[in-house]
Amino acid sequence: MSETRMSEELDDEKPARGRLRRLASYVARLLFIIIAAGLLAFGGGFLVFYQHVATMPVPDAPQADGIVALTGGYQRIDQAVLLLGKGAGKRLLISGVNPATTGNHIRLLTRSTTNLFTCCVDIGHDAVDTTGNAVETARWIDQQGFASVILVTNNYHMPRSLVELEHASPSTTFIPYPVMTPLDLSAIAANPLVLRTLASEYVKFLAVHIRNWWDHPA
């Protein structure tokens, strides 16, 4: 091949290489913008989520057909039993109880009367997670014929629980009754695990929304 021919081919390759470099640079910038926008949206959404759960109001005198407490801490059960004793609902379901834990054990821990537990408390042993809580609760609601239910769980767990329960029982009105876990900056500074719990709940909350949209796209 002559030197003139080689020189012509090299000259032809230069614009092609330039176009590839420009394309690669454009794709890299586009990816950076998409990733940055995604991170900003995620961070902004987390701040909204944090503000919502940290300032979630506790209703003064809620009233519904039934009450459900999602296990995960005895404060939830204590609050639910207290509401039942005040007549806030006709029956109480404690969902997701360990199979080894009996109703009498819970009664003793909550210092409740035998009559209250015998007449009006149902123990659910089937659920092992929040999705299972929703399924177990929806089945109980159908059995009881209830139209409205007070939901008792921790404030940080409430948004995801409501989404799960409203998905499992869309015709039921759920009244959130949050157990208020301290979520201010001093609480987070004293126990950094609180921030990890909040972040985990936020990710799960988003995942549930995505799952529901995937199952039933608008």
Foldseek 3Di string as FASTA:
>chain_A
DDPVVVVVVVVVVVVVVVVVVVVVVVVVVVVVVVVVVVVVVLVVVLVVLLVCLQPPDADDQAAFAEEEFEDDDLVLVLVRLVNVVVHRHQAYEYAQDAPVDDLVNNCVVSVHDPVSCVRHYHYHNPDDDLLSRLQVVQVVCVVVVTQEYEYEEASLQPLQSVLSNCVSHVRHHYHYRHDYDNDDPVVCVVPVVSVVSSSVSSVVSVVSVVVVCVVPPD
